[in-house]
Amino acid sequence: MVKGVAKLVGKMISLDDPSYRSFLELPKTETVSRILLLLVGVGYGAISIASQASYISSFDSALLQNFLVPAIFIIFGILTAFITKVGMAALLWAGSKALGGTAKYRAISLATPVALLPGLLGAPYLAGLGDGSLWVNLFLVAGVVWMYLVSVKIIQAVQGFTAAKAYMSAGLAFLFLASIYYLIVPAS
């Protein structure tokens, strides 16, 4: 079962159209979605731990260095993944609703953790690793583009849109996300 689900998620990440419908029809879709979200959150936390290694090592207590502070970073990574999932699912739902989509938010929300997986490529940038180096910026761009393509497939599967309509719908969501990011993040 686990191997089959991992293979299915791998197909989804590689943008295999039928795998999205298969994922949504799994008897344990909700459980798999939660596990994927947990994995993304642990990934966010691990990137944060790596970016704050010198801070973590500055604590005198071995308990703080080796358990409590890393655990806090992991918990906040999971919380960040959850908030990101809720926001991204809402944007994808709104973008598809604007183009006539009839599916409920919950259907899109179940598949959204799959779109967050490629987003881990952008985590080093968000954690401030690499000091703006080329590889960090390339990972960020690749992660965002890959998230967009996975989001298109999710909308296609959930809403039954044509490819063009799904691209436009996801484009609306990402355009709104970019405008919010632009408003929140101060200019350098």
Protein backbone atom coordinates (compact mmCIF):
# COMPACT_ATOMS: atom_id res chain seq x y z
CA MET A 1 0.00 0.00 0.00
CA VAL A 2 2.68 2.52 1.03
CA LYS A 3 4.82 1.69 -2.01
CA GLY A 4 1.81 2.11 -4.30
CA VAL A 5 0.89 5.48 -2.81
CA ALA A 6 4.51 6.69 -2.99
CA LYS A 7 4.63 5.64 -6.64
CA LEU A 8 1.34 7.45 -7.30
CA VAL A 9 2.61 10.65 -5.66
CA GLY A 10 5.81 10.30 -7.69
CA LYS A 11 3.71 10.14 -10.86
CA MET A 12 1.81 13.22 -9.74
CA ILE A 13 5.05 15.10 -9.18
CA SER A 14 6.15 14.05 -12.67
CA LEU A 15 2.87 15.57 -13.98
CA ASP A 16 1.16 12.33 -15.03
CA ASP A 17 -2.48 13.33 -15.73
CA PRO A 18 -4.33 10.12 -14.73
CA SER A 19 -2.50 9.90 -11.40
CA TYR A 20 -4.30 12.99 -10.08
CA ARG A 21 -7.73 11.43 -10.53
CA SER A 22 -6.40 8.16 -9.03
CA PHE A 23 -5.09 10.07 -6.01
CA LEU A 24 -8.45 11.71 -5.41
CA GLU A 25 -10.17 8.31 -5.63
CA LEU A 26 -7.93 6.61 -3.05
CA PRO A 27 -9.86 5.27 -0.06
CA LYS A 28 -7.37 7.01 2.24
CA THR A 29 -6.83 10.25 0.29
CA GLU A 30 -7.27 12.40 3.40
CA THR A 31 -4.68 10.38 5.35
CA VAL A 32 -2.18 10.46 2.49
CA SER A 33 -2.74 14.21 2.10
CA ARG A 34 -2.01 14.76 5.79
CA ILE A 35 1.14 12.62 5.65
CA LEU A 36 2.41 14.58 2.63
CA LEU A 37 1.71 17.84 4.46
CA LEU A 38 3.60 16.54 7.49
CA LEU A 39 6.57 15.61 5.28
CA VAL A 40 6.60 19.05 3.69
CA GLY A 41 6.46 20.63 7.16
CA VAL A 42 9.36 18.54 8.38
CA GLY A 43 11.24 19.58 5.23
CA TYR A 44 10.58 23.25 5.98
CA GLY A 45 11.72 22.69 9.57
CA ALA A 46 14.89 20.88 8.47
CA ILE A 47 15.80 23.73 6.12
CA SER A 48 15.26 26.19 8.98
CA ILE A 49 17.45 24.10 11.27
CA ALA A 50 20.20 24.08 8.63
CA SER A 51 19.97 27.82 8.15
CA GLN A 52 20.10 28.46 11.90
CA ALA A 53 22.76 25.88 12.82
CA SER A 54 25.10 28.45 14.38
CA TYR A 55 22.26 29.88 16.47
CA ILE A 56 21.21 26.42 17.65
CA SER A 57 24.79 25.49 18.54
CA SER A 58 25.12 28.68 20.63
CA PHE A 59 22.95 27.20 23.39
CA ASP A 60 24.88 25.83 26.38
CA SER A 61 22.47 23.00 27.09
CA ALA A 62 22.76 19.81 25.05
CA LEU A 63 19.02 19.30 25.54
CA LEU A 64 18.32 22.66 23.90
CA GLN A 65 20.86 22.12 21.10
CA ASN A 66 19.89 18.59 20.24
CA PHE A 67 16.19 18.38 20.98
CA LEU A 68 14.11 21.36 22.12
CA VAL A 69 15.20 24.06 19.66
CA PRO A 70 15.23 21.71 16.63
CA ALA A 71 11.80 20.41 17.72
CA ILE A 72 10.50 23.99 17.80
CA PHE A 73 11.83 24.55 14.27
CA ILE A 74 10.14 21.34 13.09
CA ILE A 75 6.84 22.33 14.73
CA PHE A 76 6.97 25.75 13.12
CA GLY A 77 7.84 24.10 9.79
CA ILE A 78 4.72 21.94 10.07
CA LEU A 79 2.64 24.98 11.02
CA THR A 80 4.08 26.89 8.06
CA ALA A 81 3.24 24.01 5.71
CA PHE A 82 -0.33 23.91 7.04
CA ILE A 83 -0.81 27.66 6.60
CA THR A 84 0.72 27.49 3.12
CA LYS A 85 -1.60 24.62 2.17
CA VAL A 86 -4.69 26.48 3.37
CA GLY A 87 -3.69 29.65 1.53
CA MET A 88 -2.64 27.93 -1.67
CA ALA A 89 -5.78 25.77 -1.77
CA ALA A 90 -7.91 28.90 -1.25
CA LEU A 91 -6.14 30.69 -4.09
CA LEU A 92 -6.45 27.70 -6.43
CA TRP A 93 -10.11 27.31 -5.51
CA ALA A 94 -10.82 31.03 -6.03
CA GLY A 95 -8.94 31.08 -9.34
CA SER A 96 -10.91 28.11 -10.63
CA LYS A 97 -14.18 29.44 -9.20
CA ALA A 98 -13.61 32.69 -11.14
CA LEU A 99 -13.52 30.64 -14.34
CA GLY A 100 -16.67 28.66 -13.57
CA GLY A 101 -15.32 25.82 -11.43
CA THR A 102 -17.88 24.02 -9.31
CA ALA A 103 -15.71 21.80 -7.10
CA LYS A 104 -15.57 22.47 -3.39
CA TYR A 105 -12.53 23.89 -1.60
CA ARG A 106 -12.05 20.56 0.20
CA ALA A 107 -11.40 18.67 -3.04
CA ILE A 108 -8.63 21.07 -4.04
CA SER A 109 -7.30 21.16 -0.48
CA LEU A 110 -6.78 17.38 -0.43
CA ALA A 111 -4.44 17.50 -3.42
CA THR A 112 -2.63 20.75 -2.53
CA PRO A 113 0.12 19.10 -0.41
CA VAL A 114 1.36 17.45 -3.60
CA ALA A 115 1.91 20.92 -5.08
CA LEU A 116 3.88 21.93 -1.99
CA LEU A 117 6.46 19.17 -2.48
CA PRO A 118 8.30 20.93 -5.34
CA GLY A 119 8.11 24.10 -3.27
CA LEU A 120 10.76 22.60 -1.01
CA LEU A 121 13.23 23.56 -3.74
CA GLY A 122 12.55 27.20 -2.84
CA ALA A 123 12.97 26.68 0.91
CA PRO A 124 16.74 27.42 0.90
CA TYR A 125 15.97 30.85 -0.57
CA LEU A 126 13.28 31.52 2.02
CA ALA A 127 15.59 30.35 4.83
CA GLY A 128 18.31 32.73 3.65
CA LEU A 129 20.78 30.03 2.68
CA GLY A 130 23.37 30.62 -0.05
CA ASP A 131 23.38 34.43 0.22
CA GLY A 132 21.53 34.85 -3.08
CA SER A 133 23.78 32.48 -4.99
CA LEU A 134 22.81 31.31 -8.45
CA TRP A 135 21.97 27.75 -7.37
CA VAL A 136 19.59 28.98 -4.65
CA ASN A 137 17.83 31.29 -7.11
CA LEU A 138 17.60 28.53 -9.72
CA PHE A 139 16.11 26.16 -7.15
CA LEU A 140 13.55 28.83 -6.22
CA VAL A 141 12.51 29.42 -9.83
CA ALA A 142 12.37 25.68 -10.55
CA GLY A 143 10.30 25.09 -7.41
CA VAL A 144 7.78 27.82 -8.23
CA VAL A 145 7.40 26.72 -11.87
CA TRP A 146 7.01 23.08 -10.81
CA MET A 147 4.43 24.05 -8.17
CA TYR A 148 2.53 25.96 -10.85
CA LEU A 149 2.52 22.97 -13.21
CA VAL A 150 1.35 20.61 -10.44
CA SER A 151 -1.35 23.14 -9.50
CA VAL A 152 -2.56 23.16 -13.10
CA LYS A 153 -2.90 19.37 -13.02
CA ILE A 154 -4.76 19.52 -9.69
CA ILE A 155 -7.26 22.04 -11.08
CA GLN A 156 -7.68 19.99 -14.24
CA ALA A 157 -8.44 16.84 -12.24
CA VAL A 158 -10.67 18.44 -9.61
CA GLN A 159 -12.57 20.92 -11.78
CA GLY A 160 -12.53 18.97 -15.05
CA PHE A 161 -11.15 22.03 -16.87
CA THR A 162 -9.42 21.94 -20.23
CA ALA A 163 -5.67 22.43 -20.08
CA ALA A 164 -5.94 26.06 -21.25
CA LYS A 165 -8.56 26.90 -18.63
CA ALA A 166 -6.55 25.15 -15.89
CA TYR A 167 -3.40 27.08 -16.85
CA MET A 168 -5.36 30.33 -16.72
CA SER A 169 -6.96 29.43 -13.40
CA ALA A 170 -3.64 28.52 -11.76
CA GLY A 171 -2.15 31.64 -13.33
CA LEU A 172 -4.75 33.78 -11.59
CA ALA A 173 -3.93 32.14 -8.27
CA PHE A 174 -0.18 32.59 -8.70
CA LEU A 175 -0.63 36.18 -9.91
CA PHE A 176 -2.58 36.98 -6.76
CA LEU A 177 0.04 35.20 -4.64
CA ALA A 178 2.83 37.19 -6.31
CA SER A 179 1.00 40.46 -5.70
CA ILE A 180 0.54 39.61 -2.00
CA TYR A 181 4.22 38.65 -1.76
CA TYR A 182 5.16 41.95 -3.41
CA LEU A 183 3.04 43.91 -0.92
CA ILE A 184 4.29 42.08 2.17
CA VAL A 185 8.00 41.69 1.46
CA PRO A 186 9.86 45.01 1.69
CA ALA A 187 11.83 46.14 -1.34
CA SER A 188 15.61 45.79 -1.01
